[in-house]
Amino acid sequence: MQGSLARAFRVRSPLGMPARILLGFGPVLLLFGVWQLLTWGEVPEQRIISPVILPSPWEVLVSFESLWFERALSRSVLYSLGRVLAGFVSAAVLAVPIGILMGAFTPVRAFMNPVSVVGGYLPIAALVPLTISWFGIDETQKVFFLGLATFVFLLPLVVQAVDDVDEIYLKTAYTLGASPLVATWKVLIPVAMAQIWDAMRLAFGIGWTYIILAEIVAAERGLGNLIIVSQRRGPREHIYLVLVVIVLIAFLTDKVLVALARLLFPHRRA
């Protein structure tokens, strides 16, 4: 037993899949156990935390029917997904080529580096009133806000992906007579693309992180709107359900992108 524990807690020791799954479910089960304990009781006076503040897991679960049929959860999911996708695409279209140019060419990096540094310290929440003053309260504001938040996160990751390309690839290309543009197009981008894909996968989750802020003002539909309305009018159970829905959507989307990465970059498995 002591030997097994010693092997398991060696620095960077390998861990089998069953152990990974069990350990991964541990925090989830612990969270639900504590949640159930805090909300145990048939009447509010018996509970540690009032149901007005924290409903029980069962109360949250049974409220799903009203959230789905009465408040059109599926339609709100589609609205939010559309906004997140639009913001992500607009950010990726700018961040990926700019990041590649910054990673490849030092003058471009020197020119754009202040933007990247400022973006890292930018309070994203403060952009909500700013984008409202620019674009009003329609869909353009929401997409622009999500796109800006995603761009700030994605740009340095793309630069880092290009930086991580081993110098030996470029030296080989130059030895074979490649120009800087050819070396960038034929060497840097293909080698870095797998890591750039991972950066884009992480950046897609940023949209779900800020969707509530994006939909806090004048959003007739959307998951963020459902949370705001539930917080003001009830039922509070819907707040927790919508949060679970957001996490599940982001998790499933991430798994799809991971599966696509295995198809697009099979060499990484080797």
C-alpha atoms as a PDB file:
ATOM      1  CA  MET A   1       0.000   0.000   0.000  1.00  0.00           C
ATOM      2  CA  GLN A   2       2.745   2.423   0.972  1.00  0.00           C
ATOM      3  CA  GLY A   3       4.659   1.469  -2.153  1.00  0.00           C
ATOM      4  CA  SER A   4       1.620   2.185  -4.357  1.00  0.00           C
ATOM      5  CA  LEU A   5       1.108   5.585  -2.749  1.00  0.00           C
ATOM      6  CA  ALA A   6       4.771   6.408  -3.154  1.00  0.00           C
ATOM      7  CA  ARG A   7       4.636   5.533  -6.849  1.00  0.00           C
ATOM      8  CA  ALA A   8       1.403   7.480  -7.368  1.00  0.00           C
ATOM      9  CA  PHE A   9       2.802  10.654  -5.822  1.00  0.00           C
ATOM     10  CA  ARG A  10       6.080  10.653  -7.656  1.00  0.00           C
ATOM     11  CA  VAL A  11       6.605  13.829  -9.661  1.00  0.00           C
ATOM     12  CA  ARG A  12       4.794  13.442 -13.011  1.00  0.00           C
ATOM     13  CA  SER A  13       4.108   9.776 -12.409  1.00  0.00           C
ATOM     14  CA  PRO A  14       1.847   8.068 -15.008  1.00  0.00           C
ATOM     15  CA  LEU A  15      -1.746   7.393 -13.969  1.00  0.00           C
ATOM     16  CA  GLY A  16      -4.108   4.844 -15.467  1.00  0.00           C
ATOM     17  CA  MET A  17      -7.418   5.835 -17.041  1.00  0.00           C
ATOM     18  CA  PRO A  18      -9.635   4.241 -14.325  1.00  0.00           C
ATOM     19  CA  ALA A  19      -7.756   6.182 -11.642  1.00  0.00           C
ATOM     20  CA  ARG A  20      -8.061   9.386 -13.668  1.00  0.00           C
ATOM     21  CA  ILE A  21     -11.824   8.924 -14.010  1.00  0.00           C
ATOM     22  CA  LEU A  22     -12.317   8.162 -10.327  1.00  0.00           C
ATOM     23  CA  LEU A  23     -10.205  11.105  -9.219  1.00  0.00           C
ATOM     24  CA  GLY A  24     -11.946  13.353 -11.727  1.00  0.00           C
ATOM     25  CA  PHE A  25     -15.392  12.506 -10.364  1.00  0.00           C
ATOM     26  CA  GLY A  26     -14.224  13.003  -6.781  1.00  0.00           C
ATOM     27  CA  PRO A  27     -14.583  16.815  -6.636  1.00  0.00           C
ATOM     28  CA  VAL A  28     -17.980  16.636  -8.379  1.00  0.00           C
ATOM     29  CA  LEU A  29     -19.328  14.113  -5.891  1.00  0.00           C
ATOM     30  CA  LEU A  30     -17.889  16.104  -2.996  1.00  0.00           C
ATOM     31  CA  LEU A  31     -19.539  19.280  -4.288  1.00  0.00           C
ATOM     32  CA  PHE A  32     -22.950  17.629  -4.593  1.00  0.00           C
ATOM     33  CA  GLY A  33     -22.542  16.027  -1.175  1.00  0.00           C
ATOM     34  CA  VAL A  34     -21.850  19.368   0.486  1.00  0.00           C
ATOM     35  CA  TRP A  35     -24.692  20.955  -1.498  1.00  0.00           C
ATOM     36  CA  GLN A  36     -27.114  18.268  -0.323  1.00  0.00           C
ATOM     37  CA  LEU A  37     -25.955  18.626   3.259  1.00  0.00           C
ATOM     38  CA  LEU A  38     -26.432  22.386   3.252  1.00  0.00           C
ATOM     39  CA  THR A  39     -29.964  22.102   1.812  1.00  0.00           C
ATOM     40  CA  TRP A  40     -31.166  19.035   3.723  1.00  0.00           C
ATOM     41  CA  GLY A  41     -34.613  19.428   5.298  1.00  0.00           C
ATOM     42  CA  GLU A  42     -38.269  19.443   4.361  1.00  0.00           C
ATOM     43  CA  VAL A  43     -38.933  22.964   5.621  1.00  0.00           C
ATOM     44  CA  PRO A  44     -36.678  26.047   5.336  1.00  0.00           C
ATOM     45  CA  GLU A  45     -36.162  26.225   9.116  1.00  0.00           C
ATOM     46  CA  GLN A  46     -34.439  22.825   9.077  1.00  0.00           C
ATOM     47  CA  ARG A  47     -31.888  23.813   6.467  1.00  0.00           C
ATOM     48  CA  ILE A  48     -28.479  25.347   7.015  1.00  0.00           C
ATOM     49  CA  ILE A  49     -28.999  27.627   3.997  1.00  0.00           C
ATOM     50  CA  SER A  50     -32.400  28.997   3.030  1.00  0.00           C
ATOM     51  CA  PRO A  51     -33.936  27.620  -0.204  1.00  0.00           C
ATOM     52  CA  VAL A  52     -34.350  31.226  -1.335  1.00  0.00           C
ATOM     53  CA  ILE A  53     -30.564  31.418  -1.522  1.00  0.00           C
ATOM     54  CA  LEU A  54     -29.653  27.823  -2.358  1.00  0.00           C
ATOM     55  CA  PRO A  55     -32.264  25.265  -3.466  1.00  0.00           C
ATOM     56  CA  SER A  56     -31.516  21.583  -3.049  1.00  0.00           C
ATOM     57  CA  PRO A  57     -30.177  19.515  -5.962  1.00  0.00           C
ATOM     58  CA  TRP A  58     -33.548  17.772  -6.302  1.00  0.00           C
ATOM     59  CA  GLU A  59     -35.448  21.074  -6.400  1.00  0.00           C
ATOM     60  CA  VAL A  60     -33.114  22.302  -9.118  1.00  0.00           C
ATOM     61  CA  LEU A  61     -33.546  19.092 -11.088  1.00  0.00           C
ATOM     62  CA  VAL A  62     -37.361  19.044 -11.029  1.00  0.00           C
ATOM     63  CA  SER A  63     -37.493  22.678 -12.194  1.00  0.00           C
ATOM     64  CA  PHE A  64     -35.967  21.646 -15.534  1.00  0.00           C
ATOM     65  CA  GLU A  65     -39.408  20.957 -17.029  1.00  0.00           C
ATOM     66  CA  SER A  66     -40.598  24.529 -16.493  1.00  0.00           C
ATOM     67  CA  LEU A  67     -37.274  25.905 -17.758  1.00  0.00           C
ATOM     68  CA  TRP A  68     -37.517  23.835 -20.940  1.00  0.00           C
ATOM     69  CA  PHE A  69     -41.210  24.297 -21.802  1.00  0.00           C
ATOM     70  CA  GLU A  70     -42.260  27.564 -20.179  1.00  0.00           C
ATOM     71  CA  ARG A  71     -39.100  29.580 -20.714  1.00  0.00           C
ATOM     72  CA  ALA A  72     -37.878  28.056 -24.000  1.00  0.00           C
ATOM     73  CA  LEU A  73     -34.455  26.909 -22.867  1.00  0.00           C
ATOM     74  CA  SER A  74     -33.576  25.439 -26.260  1.00  0.00           C
ATOM     75  CA  ARG A  75     -34.209  28.762 -28.006  1.00  0.00           C
ATOM     76  CA  SER A  76     -32.042  30.602 -25.507  1.00  0.00           C
ATOM     77  CA  VAL A  77     -29.259  28.055 -26.040  1.00  0.00           C
ATOM     78  CA  LEU A  78     -29.355  28.713 -29.789  1.00  0.00           C
ATOM     79  CA  TYR A  79     -29.269  32.481 -29.308  1.00  0.00           C
ATOM     80  CA  SER A  80     -26.303  32.319 -26.937  1.00  0.00           C
ATOM     81  CA  LEU A  81     -24.477  29.774 -29.096  1.00  0.00           C
ATOM     82  CA  GLY A  82     -24.907  32.029 -32.127  1.00  0.00           C
ATOM     83  CA  ARG A  83     -23.477  35.008 -30.267  1.00  0.00           C
ATOM     84  CA  VAL A  84     -20.530  33.030 -28.918  1.00  0.00           C
ATOM     85  CA  LEU A  85     -19.767  31.619 -32.374  1.00  0.00           C
ATOM     86  CA  ALA A  86     -20.001  35.036 -34.042  1.00  0.00           C
ATOM     87  CA  GLY A  87     -17.699  36.585 -31.436  1.00  0.00           C
ATOM     88  CA  PHE A  88     -15.242  33.695 -31.678  1.00  0.00           C
ATOM     89  CA  VAL A  89     -15.057  33.765 -35.482  1.00  0.00           C
ATOM     90  CA  SER A  90     -14.584  37.539 -35.591  1.00  0.00           C
ATOM     91  CA  ALA A  91     -11.800  37.261 -33.001  1.00  0.00           C
ATOM     92  CA  ALA A  92     -10.069  34.305 -34.661  1.00  0.00           C
ATOM     93  CA  VAL A  93     -10.096  35.970 -38.089  1.00  0.00           C
ATOM     94  CA  LEU A  94      -8.019  38.798 -36.613  1.00  0.00           C
ATOM     95  CA  ALA A  95      -6.041  37.157 -33.814  1.00  0.00           C
ATOM     96  CA  VAL A  96      -4.675  34.156 -35.738  1.00  0.00           C
ATOM     97  CA  PRO A  97      -3.028  36.019 -38.656  1.00  0.00           C
ATOM     98  CA  ILE A  98      -1.846  38.872 -36.427  1.00  0.00           C
ATOM     99  CA  GLY A  99      -0.421  36.390 -33.915  1.00  0.00           C
ATOM    100  CA  ILE A 100       1.375  34.472 -36.662  1.00  0.00           C
ATOM    101  CA  LEU A 101       2.894  37.690 -38.031  1.00  0.00           C
ATOM    102  CA  MET A 102       3.949  38.750 -34.523  1.00  0.00           C
ATOM    103  CA  GLY A 103       5.567  35.376 -33.887  1.00  0.00           C
ATOM    104  CA  ALA A 104       7.318  35.336 -37.256  1.00  0.00           C
ATOM    105  CA  PHE A 105       8.483  38.932 -37.725  1.00  0.00           C
ATOM    106  CA  THR A 106      10.082  40.967 -34.961  1.00  0.00           C
ATOM    107  CA  PRO A 107       9.063  44.403 -36.362  1.00  0.00           C
ATOM    108  CA  VAL A 108       5.401  43.335 -36.368  1.00  0.00           C
ATOM    109  CA  ARG A 109       5.740  42.096 -32.784  1.00  0.00           C
ATOM    110  CA  ALA A 110       7.324  45.375 -31.691  1.00  0.00           C
ATOM    111  CA  PHE A 111       4.499  47.288 -33.350  1.00  0.00           C
ATOM    112  CA  MET A 112       1.657  45.143 -31.952  1.00  0.00           C
ATOM    113  CA  ASN A 113       3.147  44.226 -28.580  1.00  0.00           C
ATOM    114  CA  PRO A 114       1.630  47.222 -26.736  1.00  0.00           C
ATOM    115  CA  VAL A 115      -1.817  46.071 -27.846  1.00  0.00           C
ATOM    116  CA  SER A 116      -1.148  42.572 -26.537  1.00  0.00           C
ATOM    117  CA  VAL A 117       0.238  43.843 -23.224  1.00  0.00           C
ATOM    118  CA  VAL A 118      -2.612  46.291 -22.644  1.00  0.00           C
ATOM    119  CA  GLY A 119      -5.131  43.581 -23.492  1.00  0.00           C
ATOM    120  CA  GLY A 120      -3.697  41.328 -20.808  1.00  0.00           C
ATOM    121  CA  TYR A 121      -4.454  43.920 -18.116  1.00  0.00           C
ATOM    122  CA  LEU A 122      -7.769  45.091 -19.551  1.00  0.00           C
ATOM    123  CA  PRO A 123     -10.780  44.580 -17.226  1.00  0.00           C
ATOM    124  CA  ILE A 124     -13.173  42.859 -19.603  1.00  0.00           C
ATOM    125  CA  ALA A 125     -16.266  43.726 -17.551  1.00  0.00           C
ATOM    126  CA  ALA A 126     -15.517  47.418 -18.055  1.00  0.00           C
ATOM    127  CA  LEU A 127     -15.972  46.944 -21.798  1.00  0.00           C
ATOM    128  CA  VAL A 128     -19.723  46.354 -21.427  1.00  0.00           C
ATOM    129  CA  PRO A 129     -20.701  50.029 -20.948  1.00  0.00           C
ATOM    130  CA  LEU A 130     -18.016  51.059 -23.427  1.00  0.00           C
ATOM    131  CA  THR A 131     -19.339  48.802 -26.195  1.00  0.00           C
ATOM    132  CA  ILE A 132     -22.889  49.931 -25.408  1.00  0.00           C
ATOM    133  CA  SER A 133     -21.828  53.539 -25.958  1.00  0.00           C
ATOM    134  CA  TRP A 134     -20.258  52.521 -29.290  1.00  0.00           C
ATOM    135  CA  PHE A 135     -22.876  50.169 -30.728  1.00  0.00           C
ATOM    136  CA  GLY A 136     -26.013  50.621 -28.673  1.00  0.00           C
ATOM    137  CA  ILE A 137     -27.783  47.620 -27.168  1.00  0.00           C
ATOM    138  CA  ASP A 138     -28.465  45.475 -30.223  1.00  0.00           C
ATOM    139  CA  GLU A 139     -26.758  42.276 -31.412  1.00  0.00           C
ATOM    140  CA  THR A 140     -23.712  44.129 -32.757  1.00  0.00           C
ATOM    141  CA  GLN A 141     -22.741  45.205 -29.239  1.00  0.00           C
ATOM    142  CA  LYS A 142     -22.997  41.678 -27.865  1.00  0.00           C
ATOM    143  CA  VAL A 143     -20.979  40.096 -30.673  1.00  0.00           C
ATOM    144  CA  PHE A 144     -18.340  42.825 -30.562  1.00  0.00           C
ATOM    145  CA  PHE A 145     -17.970  42.481 -26.791  1.00  0.00           C
ATOM    146  CA  LEU A 146     -17.547  38.698 -27.004  1.00  0.00           C
ATOM    147  CA  GLY A 147     -15.188  39.055 -29.956  1.00  0.00           C
ATOM    148  CA  LEU A 148     -13.034  41.596 -28.126  1.00  0.00           C
ATOM    149  CA  ALA A 149     -12.849  39.451 -24.991  1.00  0.00           C
ATOM    150  CA  THR A 150     -11.875  36.413 -27.083  1.00  0.00           C
ATOM    151  CA  PHE A 151      -9.322  38.371 -29.134  1.00  0.00           C
ATOM    152  CA  VAL A 152      -7.514  39.599 -26.018  1.00  0.00           C
ATOM    153  CA  PHE A 153      -7.214  36.011 -24.774  1.00  0.00           C
ATOM    154  CA  LEU A 154      -6.355  34.357 -28.095  1.00  0.00           C
ATOM    155  CA  LEU A 155      -3.686  36.695 -29.486  1.00  0.00           C
ATOM    156  CA  PRO A 156      -0.850  35.921 -27.012  1.00  0.00           C
ATOM    157  CA  LEU A 157      -1.587  32.188 -27.264  1.00  0.00           C
ATOM    158  CA  VAL A 158      -1.120  32.269 -31.045  1.00  0.00           C
ATOM    159  CA  VAL A 159       2.129  34.208 -30.654  1.00  0.00           C
ATOM    160  CA  GLN A 160       3.346  31.647 -28.131  1.00  0.00           C
ATOM    161  CA  ALA A 161       2.427  28.789 -30.484  1.00  0.00           C
ATOM    162  CA  VAL A 162       4.615  30.283 -33.215  1.00  0.00           C
ATOM    163  CA  ASP A 163       7.405  30.998 -30.742  1.00  0.00           C
ATOM    164  CA  ASP A 164       7.412  27.349 -29.675  1.00  0.00           C
ATOM    165  CA  VAL A 165       8.339  26.138 -33.177  1.00  0.00           C
ATOM    166  CA  ASP A 166      11.876  24.758 -32.951  1.00  0.00           C
ATOM    167  CA  GLU A 167      14.477  26.931 -34.670  1.00  0.00           C
ATOM    168  CA  ILE A 168      15.894  23.889 -36.465  1.00  0.00           C
ATOM    169  CA  TYR A 169      12.904  23.872 -38.833  1.00  0.00           C
ATOM    170  CA  LEU A 170      13.596  27.437 -39.943  1.00  0.00           C
ATOM    171  CA  LYS A 171      17.327  26.807 -40.314  1.00  0.00           C
ATOM    172  CA  THR A 172      16.586  23.813 -42.514  1.00  0.00           C
ATOM    173  CA  ALA A 173      14.185  25.852 -44.655  1.00  0.00           C
ATOM    174  CA  TYR A 174      16.703  28.671 -45.102  1.00  0.00           C
ATOM    175  CA  THR A 175      19.409  26.144 -45.961  1.00  0.00           C
ATOM    176  CA  LEU A 176      17.156  24.855 -48.732  1.00  0.00           C
ATOM    177  CA  GLY A 177      16.768  28.402 -50.072  1.00  0.00           C
ATOM    178  CA  ALA A 178      13.361  29.361 -48.680  1.00  0.00           C
ATOM    179  CA  SER A 179      12.488  33.040 -48.394  1.00  0.00           C
ATOM    180  CA  PRO A 180      11.073  34.448 -45.118  1.00  0.00           C
ATOM    181  CA  LEU A 181       7.535  34.369 -46.498  1.00  0.00           C
ATOM    182  CA  VAL A 182       7.910  30.809 -47.735  1.00  0.00           C
ATOM    183  CA  ALA A 183       9.445  29.737 -44.429  1.00  0.00           C
ATOM    184  CA  THR A 184       6.491  31.282 -42.621  1.00  0.00           C
ATOM    185  CA  TRP A 185       3.864  29.724 -44.899  1.00  0.00           C
ATOM    186  CA  LYS A 186       5.486  26.324 -45.367  1.00  0.00           C
ATOM    187  CA  VAL A 187       7.219  25.819 -42.016  1.00  0.00           C
ATOM    188  CA  LEU A 188       6.047  28.026 -39.152  1.00  0.00           C
ATOM    189  CA  ILE A 189       2.315  27.816 -39.798  1.00  0.00           C
ATOM    190  CA  PRO A 190       2.088  24.038 -40.438  1.00  0.00           C
ATOM    191  CA  VAL A 191       4.272  23.179 -37.440  1.00  0.00           C
ATOM    192  CA  ALA A 192       2.480  25.604 -35.111  1.00  0.00           C
ATOM    193  CA  MET A 193      -1.034  24.861 -36.360  1.00  0.00           C
ATOM    194  CA  ALA A 194      -1.742  22.066 -33.866  1.00  0.00           C
ATOM    195  CA  GLN A 195      -0.899  24.350 -30.963  1.00  0.00           C
ATOM    196  CA  ILE A 196      -2.828  27.207 -32.576  1.00  0.00           C
ATOM    197  CA  TRP A 197      -5.843  24.885 -32.744  1.00  0.00           C
ATOM    198  CA  ASP A 198      -5.485  24.217 -29.013  1.00  0.00           C
ATOM    199  CA  ALA A 199      -5.343  27.966 -28.411  1.00  0.00           C
ATOM    200  CA  MET A 200      -8.523  28.456 -30.423  1.00  0.00           C
ATOM    201  CA  ARG A 201     -10.184  25.635 -28.495  1.00  0.00           C
ATOM    202  CA  LEU A 202      -9.396  27.365 -25.217  1.00  0.00           C
ATOM    203  CA  ALA A 203     -10.464  30.742 -26.577  1.00  0.00           C
ATOM    204  CA  PHE A 204     -13.867  29.392 -27.605  1.00  0.00           C
ATOM    205  CA  GLY A 205     -14.608  28.790 -23.936  1.00  0.00           C
ATOM    206  CA  ILE A 206     -13.995  32.472 -23.180  1.00  0.00           C
ATOM    207  CA  GLY A 207     -17.233  33.341 -24.973  1.00  0.00           C
ATOM    208  CA  TRP A 208     -19.190  31.161 -22.537  1.00  0.00           C
ATOM    209  CA  THR A 209     -17.332  32.773 -19.648  1.00  0.00           C
ATOM    210  CA  TYR A 210     -18.589  36.225 -20.628  1.00  0.00           C
ATOM    211  CA  ILE A 211     -21.966  35.349 -22.148  1.00  0.00           C
ATOM    212  CA  ILE A 212     -23.822  36.540 -19.035  1.00  0.00           C
ATOM    213  CA  LEU A 213     -22.133  39.951 -19.245  1.00  0.00           C
ATOM    214  CA  ALA A 214     -22.878  40.121 -22.962  1.00  0.00           C
ATOM    215  CA  GLU A 215     -26.571  39.397 -22.430  1.00  0.00           C
ATOM    216  CA  ILE A 216     -27.073  41.453 -19.299  1.00  0.00           C
ATOM    217  CA  VAL A 217     -28.599  44.384 -21.221  1.00  0.00           C
ATOM    218  CA  ALA A 218     -31.544  44.215 -23.636  1.00  0.00           C
ATOM    219  CA  ALA A 219     -31.235  40.546 -24.552  1.00  0.00           C
ATOM    220  CA  GLU A 220     -34.702  39.146 -25.154  1.00  0.00           C
ATOM    221  CA  ARG A 221     -33.295  35.647 -25.500  1.00  0.00           C
ATOM    222  CA  GLY A 222     -30.175  33.919 -24.274  1.00  0.00           C
ATOM    223  CA  LEU A 223     -28.833  32.006 -21.310  1.00  0.00           C
ATOM    224  CA  GLY A 224     -27.501  35.141 -19.672  1.00  0.00           C
ATOM    225  CA  ASN A 225     -30.934  36.723 -19.954  1.00  0.00           C
ATOM    226  CA  LEU A 226     -32.490  33.653 -18.312  1.00  0.00           C
ATOM    227  CA  ILE A 227     -30.129  34.019 -15.356  1.00  0.00           C
ATOM    228  CA  ILE A 228     -30.841  37.737 -14.953  1.00  0.00           C
ATOM    229  CA  VAL A 229     -34.610  37.242 -15.136  1.00  0.00           C
ATOM    230  CA  SER A 230     -34.474  34.292 -12.725  1.00  0.00           C
ATOM    231  CA  GLN A 231     -32.434  36.341 -10.275  1.00  0.00           C
ATOM    232  CA  ARG A 232     -34.997  39.161 -10.366  1.00  0.00           C
ATOM    233  CA  ARG A 233     -38.279  37.273 -10.627  1.00  0.00           C
ATOM    234  CA  GLY A 234     -37.466  33.653  -9.834  1.00  0.00           C
ATOM    235  CA  PRO A 235     -37.446  30.800  -9.640  1.00  0.00           C
ATOM    236  CA  ARG A 236     -33.908  30.709  -8.302  1.00  0.00           C
ATOM    237  CA  GLU A 237     -33.599  27.054  -9.298  1.00  0.00           C
ATOM    238  CA  HIS A 238     -33.326  28.149 -12.924  1.00  0.00           C
ATOM    239  CA  ILE A 239     -30.142  30.097 -12.175  1.00  0.00           C
ATOM    240  CA  TYR A 240     -28.305  26.927 -11.177  1.00  0.00           C
ATOM    241  CA  LEU A 241     -29.789  24.949 -14.047  1.00  0.00           C
ATOM    242  CA  VAL A 242     -28.660  27.493 -16.624  1.00  0.00           C
ATOM    243  CA  LEU A 243     -25.167  27.503 -15.133  1.00  0.00           C
ATOM    244  CA  VAL A 244     -25.063  23.719 -15.468  1.00  0.00           C
ATOM    245  CA  VAL A 245     -26.286  24.010 -19.074  1.00  0.00           C
ATOM    246  CA  ILE A 246     -23.520  26.506 -19.901  1.00  0.00           C
ATOM    247  CA  VAL A 247     -20.875  24.233 -18.391  1.00  0.00           C
ATOM    248  CA  LEU A 248     -22.224  21.188 -20.269  1.00  0.00           C
ATOM    249  CA  ILE A 249     -22.315  23.028 -23.608  1.00  0.00           C
ATOM    250  CA  ALA A 250     -18.771  24.310 -23.153  1.00  0.00           C
ATOM    251  CA  PHE A 251     -17.573  20.846 -22.055  1.00  0.00           C
ATOM    252  CA  LEU A 252     -19.198  19.031 -24.987  1.00  0.00           C
ATOM    253  CA  THR A 253     -17.951  21.619 -27.467  1.00  0.00           C
ATOM    254  CA  ASP A 254     -14.439  21.211 -26.113  1.00  0.00           C
ATOM    255  CA  LYS A 255     -14.666  17.435 -26.549  1.00  0.00           C
ATOM    256  CA  VAL A 256     -15.801  17.877 -30.160  1.00  0.00           C
ATOM    257  CA  LEU A 257     -12.858  20.186 -30.856  1.00  0.00           C
ATOM    258  CA  VAL A 258     -10.470  17.699 -29.242  1.00  0.00           C
ATOM    259  CA  ALA A 259     -11.864  14.943 -31.478  1.00  0.00           C
ATOM    260  CA  LEU A 260     -11.411  17.160 -34.539  1.00  0.00           C
ATOM    261  CA  ALA A 261      -7.828  17.845 -33.473  1.00  0.00           C
ATOM    262  CA  ARG A 262      -7.127  14.107 -33.484  1.00  0.00           C
ATOM    263  CA  LEU A 263      -8.372  13.931 -37.062  1.00  0.00           C
ATOM    264  CA  LEU A 264      -6.595  17.058 -38.264  1.00  0.00           C
ATOM    265  CA  PHE A 265      -3.292  16.400 -36.478  1.00  0.00           C
ATOM    266  CA  PRO A 266      -2.828  12.621 -36.235  1.00  0.00           C
ATOM    267  CA  HIS A 267       0.919  13.023 -35.766  1.00  0.00           C
ATOM    268  CA  ARG A 268       0.347  14.343 -32.252  1.00  0.00           C
ATOM    269  CA  ARG A 269      -0.993  10.963 -31.123  1.00  0.00           C
ATOM    270  CA  ALA A 270       2.224   9.350 -32.244  1.00  0.00           C
END
